[in-house]
């Protein structure tokens, strides 16, 4: 059995705003082949900064992400 090759492409984001009770997945298809390189800590307004790369090294876009609050049951 061959191990799957590591790939920086087809990158998505998965997060849990309520610490593991629910999860949300997001696809980065609209940016083309990118890899999420670094996600910084949440700032005082609740936003996360995520740096994207083309391939392994070349800098691409910077995203600012703000999770929606978890739905109340």
N, C-alpha and C. Protein backbone atom coordinates (compact mmCIF):
# COMPACT_ATOMS: atom_id res chain seq x y z
N UNK A 1 0.84 -1.17 0.00
CA UNK A 1 0.00 0.00 0.00
C UNK A 1 0.89 1.24 0.00
N UNK A 2 0.62 2.17 -0.89
CA UNK A 2 1.39 3.41 -1.01
C UNK A 2 0.80 4.48 -0.08
N UNK A 3 1.63 5.23 0.62
CA UNK A 3 1.09 6.35 1.40
C UNK A 3 0.63 7.46 0.47
N UNK A 4 -0.37 8.19 0.89
CA UNK A 4 -0.87 9.31 0.09
C UNK A 4 0.16 10.42 0.08
N UNK A 5 0.39 11.05 -1.07
CA UNK A 5 1.36 12.14 -1.12
C UNK A 5 0.86 13.37 -0.36
N UNK A 6 1.76 14.05 0.29
CA UNK A 6 1.40 15.30 0.96
C UNK A 6 1.17 16.35 -0.11
N UNK A 7 0.13 17.12 0.00
CA UNK A 7 -0.20 18.12 -1.00
C UNK A 7 -0.60 19.41 -0.31
N UNK A 8 -0.13 20.52 -0.83
CA UNK A 8 -0.52 21.82 -0.29
C UNK A 8 -1.78 22.32 -0.97
N UNK A 9 -2.27 21.60 -1.96
CA UNK A 9 -3.44 22.04 -2.71
C UNK A 9 -4.71 21.45 -2.17
N UNK A 10 -5.85 21.92 -2.70
CA UNK A 10 -7.17 21.48 -2.25
C UNK A 10 -7.31 21.72 -0.76
N UNK A 11 -6.99 22.92 -0.36
CA UNK A 11 -6.97 23.28 1.06
C UNK A 11 -8.33 23.82 1.49
N UNK A 12 -8.78 23.42 2.63
CA UNK A 12 -10.01 23.92 3.20
C UNK A 12 -9.80 24.27 4.66
N UNK A 13 -10.80 24.82 5.26
CA UNK A 13 -10.74 25.22 6.66
C UNK A 13 -11.86 24.50 7.39
N UNK A 14 -11.58 23.98 8.54
CA UNK A 14 -12.61 23.41 9.40
C UNK A 14 -12.45 24.04 10.78
N UNK A 15 -13.56 24.44 11.36
CA UNK A 15 -13.47 25.09 12.66
C UNK A 15 -14.68 24.78 13.52
N UNK A 16 -14.51 25.00 14.80
CA UNK A 16 -15.58 24.77 15.76
C UNK A 16 -15.68 25.97 16.69
N UNK A 17 -16.67 26.85 16.45
CA UNK A 17 -16.79 28.03 17.32
C UNK A 17 -17.26 27.71 18.73
N UNK A 18 -17.77 26.50 18.95
CA UNK A 18 -18.27 26.13 20.28
C UNK A 18 -17.44 25.01 20.91
N UNK A 19 -16.16 24.98 20.59
CA UNK A 19 -15.19 24.05 21.19
C UNK A 19 -15.54 22.58 21.01
N UNK A 20 -15.92 22.22 19.78
CA UNK A 20 -16.09 20.81 19.44
C UNK A 20 -17.50 20.28 19.42
N UNK A 21 -18.49 21.08 19.77
CA UNK A 21 -19.88 20.59 19.74
C UNK A 21 -20.38 20.53 18.30
N UNK A 22 -20.08 21.55 17.52
CA UNK A 22 -20.44 21.57 16.10
C UNK A 22 -19.22 22.00 15.30
N UNK A 23 -19.19 21.60 14.03
CA UNK A 23 -18.07 21.92 13.16
C UNK A 23 -18.58 22.50 11.86
N UNK A 24 -17.80 23.39 11.27
CA UNK A 24 -18.13 23.97 9.97
C UNK A 24 -16.93 23.81 9.05
N UNK A 25 -17.18 23.47 7.80
CA UNK A 25 -16.12 23.32 6.80
C UNK A 25 -16.29 24.38 5.73
N UNK A 26 -15.18 24.90 5.27
CA UNK A 26 -15.19 25.90 4.21
C UNK A 26 -14.18 25.46 3.16
N UNK A 27 -14.51 25.68 1.90
CA UNK A 27 -13.65 25.30 0.80
C UNK A 27 -13.04 26.56 0.19
N UNK A 28 -11.76 26.50 -0.16
CA UNK A 28 -11.07 27.65 -0.73
C UNK A 28 -10.96 27.58 -2.25
N UNK A 29 -11.88 26.89 -2.91
CA UNK A 29 -11.82 26.71 -4.36
C UNK A 29 -11.74 28.04 -5.12
N UNK A 30 -12.43 29.06 -4.63
CA UNK A 30 -12.48 30.33 -5.37
C UNK A 30 -11.11 31.01 -5.45
N UNK A 31 -10.17 30.63 -4.61
CA UNK A 31 -8.83 31.21 -4.63
C UNK A 31 -7.87 30.43 -5.52
N UNK A 32 -8.29 29.29 -6.03
CA UNK A 32 -7.40 28.44 -6.81
C UNK A 32 -6.53 27.61 -5.87
N UNK A 33 -5.48 27.00 -6.41
CA UNK A 33 -4.63 26.15 -5.56
C UNK A 33 -3.86 26.99 -4.53
N UNK A 34 -4.21 26.84 -3.28
CA UNK A 34 -3.58 27.59 -2.18
C UNK A 34 -3.38 26.67 -1.00
N UNK A 35 -2.51 27.08 -0.11
CA UNK A 35 -2.35 26.39 1.16
C UNK A 35 -2.41 27.42 2.28
N UNK A 36 -3.11 27.05 3.34
CA UNK A 36 -3.16 27.91 4.51
C UNK A 36 -1.85 27.76 5.26
N UNK A 37 -1.15 28.84 5.46
CA UNK A 37 0.19 28.78 6.02
C UNK A 37 0.19 29.08 7.52
N UNK A 38 -0.52 30.08 7.90
CA UNK A 38 -0.48 30.52 9.30
C UNK A 38 -1.83 31.14 9.66
N UNK A 39 -2.34 30.75 10.80
CA UNK A 39 -3.53 31.40 11.34
C UNK A 39 -3.12 32.05 12.65
N UNK A 40 -3.30 33.36 12.72
CA UNK A 40 -2.92 34.11 13.91
C UNK A 40 -4.04 34.07 14.95
N UNK A 41 -3.69 34.40 16.18
CA UNK A 41 -4.68 34.44 17.27
C UNK A 41 -5.78 35.44 16.96
N UNK A 42 -6.94 35.20 17.55
CA UNK A 42 -8.08 36.10 17.38
C UNK A 42 -7.74 37.47 17.95
N UNK A 43 -8.10 38.53 17.21
CA UNK A 43 -7.86 39.88 17.71
C UNK A 43 -9.02 40.31 18.61
N UNK A 44 -8.97 41.53 19.10
CA UNK A 44 -9.98 42.00 20.06
C UNK A 44 -11.37 42.11 19.44
N UNK A 45 -11.46 42.21 18.11
CA UNK A 45 -12.76 42.27 17.43
C UNK A 45 -13.28 40.89 17.03
N UNK A 46 -12.52 39.83 17.33
CA UNK A 46 -12.97 38.47 17.04
C UNK A 46 -12.55 37.93 15.69
N UNK A 47 -11.64 38.60 14.98
CA UNK A 47 -11.18 38.18 13.66
C UNK A 47 -9.87 37.42 13.75
N UNK A 48 -9.73 36.41 12.89
CA UNK A 48 -8.48 35.67 12.73
C UNK A 48 -7.87 36.06 11.40
N UNK A 49 -6.56 36.19 11.33
CA UNK A 49 -5.85 36.46 10.08
C UNK A 49 -5.23 35.15 9.61
N UNK A 50 -5.46 34.80 8.33
CA UNK A 50 -4.90 33.58 7.76
C UNK A 50 -4.13 33.93 6.49
N UNK A 51 -2.84 33.57 6.47
CA UNK A 51 -2.00 33.79 5.31
C UNK A 51 -2.08 32.59 4.38
N UNK A 52 -2.28 32.85 3.09
CA UNK A 52 -2.31 31.78 2.09
C UNK A 52 -1.04 31.81 1.26
N UNK A 53 -0.65 30.66 0.75
CA UNK A 53 0.52 30.53 -0.11
C UNK A 53 0.14 29.83 -1.41
N UNK A 54 0.85 30.18 -2.48
CA UNK A 54 0.76 29.45 -3.74
C UNK A 54 1.86 28.41 -3.68
N UNK A 55 1.51 27.14 -3.82
CA UNK A 55 2.52 26.11 -3.68
C UNK A 55 3.04 26.09 -2.26
N UNK A 56 4.33 25.98 -2.10
CA UNK A 56 4.90 25.88 -0.76
C UNK A 56 5.36 27.22 -0.20
N UNK A 57 5.84 28.14 -1.06
CA UNK A 57 6.53 29.31 -0.56
C UNK A 57 5.92 30.65 -0.98
N UNK A 58 5.51 30.76 -2.23
CA UNK A 58 5.10 32.06 -2.77
C UNK A 58 3.87 32.61 -2.04
N UNK A 59 3.99 33.84 -1.55
CA UNK A 59 2.88 34.47 -0.82
C UNK A 59 1.71 34.74 -1.75
N UNK A 60 0.52 34.57 -1.22
CA UNK A 60 -0.70 34.85 -1.98
C UNK A 60 -1.57 35.79 -1.15
N UNK A 61 -2.84 35.48 -1.01
CA UNK A 61 -3.79 36.35 -0.32
C UNK A 61 -3.67 36.23 1.20
N UNK A 62 -4.28 37.22 1.84
CA UNK A 62 -4.47 37.20 3.30
C UNK A 62 -5.97 37.25 3.53
N UNK A 63 -6.46 36.32 4.33
CA UNK A 63 -7.89 36.29 4.65
C UNK A 63 -8.10 36.71 6.09
N UNK A 64 -9.20 37.40 6.34
CA UNK A 64 -9.61 37.70 7.70
C UNK A 64 -10.91 36.95 7.93
N UNK A 65 -10.92 36.08 8.91
CA UNK A 65 -12.04 35.19 9.17
C UNK A 65 -12.66 35.51 10.53
N UNK A 66 -13.98 35.51 10.57
CA UNK A 66 -14.67 35.71 11.84
C UNK A 66 -15.76 34.65 11.94
N UNK A 67 -15.60 33.70 12.87
CA UNK A 67 -16.60 32.64 13.00
C UNK A 67 -17.96 33.20 13.43
N UNK A 68 -18.99 32.59 12.88
CA UNK A 68 -20.34 32.95 13.31
C UNK A 68 -20.59 32.28 14.66
N UNK A 69 -21.38 32.89 15.51
CA UNK A 69 -21.69 32.25 16.79
C UNK A 69 -22.43 30.94 16.55
N UNK A 70 -22.21 29.98 17.43
CA UNK A 70 -22.89 28.69 17.33
C UNK A 70 -24.40 28.90 17.53
N UNK A 71 -25.21 28.16 16.77
CA UNK A 71 -26.67 28.30 16.95
C UNK A 71 -27.08 27.82 18.34
N UNK A 72 -28.03 28.51 18.92
CA UNK A 72 -28.54 28.13 20.24
C UNK A 72 -29.71 27.17 20.06
N UNK A 73 -29.69 26.12 20.81
CA UNK A 73 -30.76 25.11 20.68
C UNK A 73 -31.90 25.41 21.61
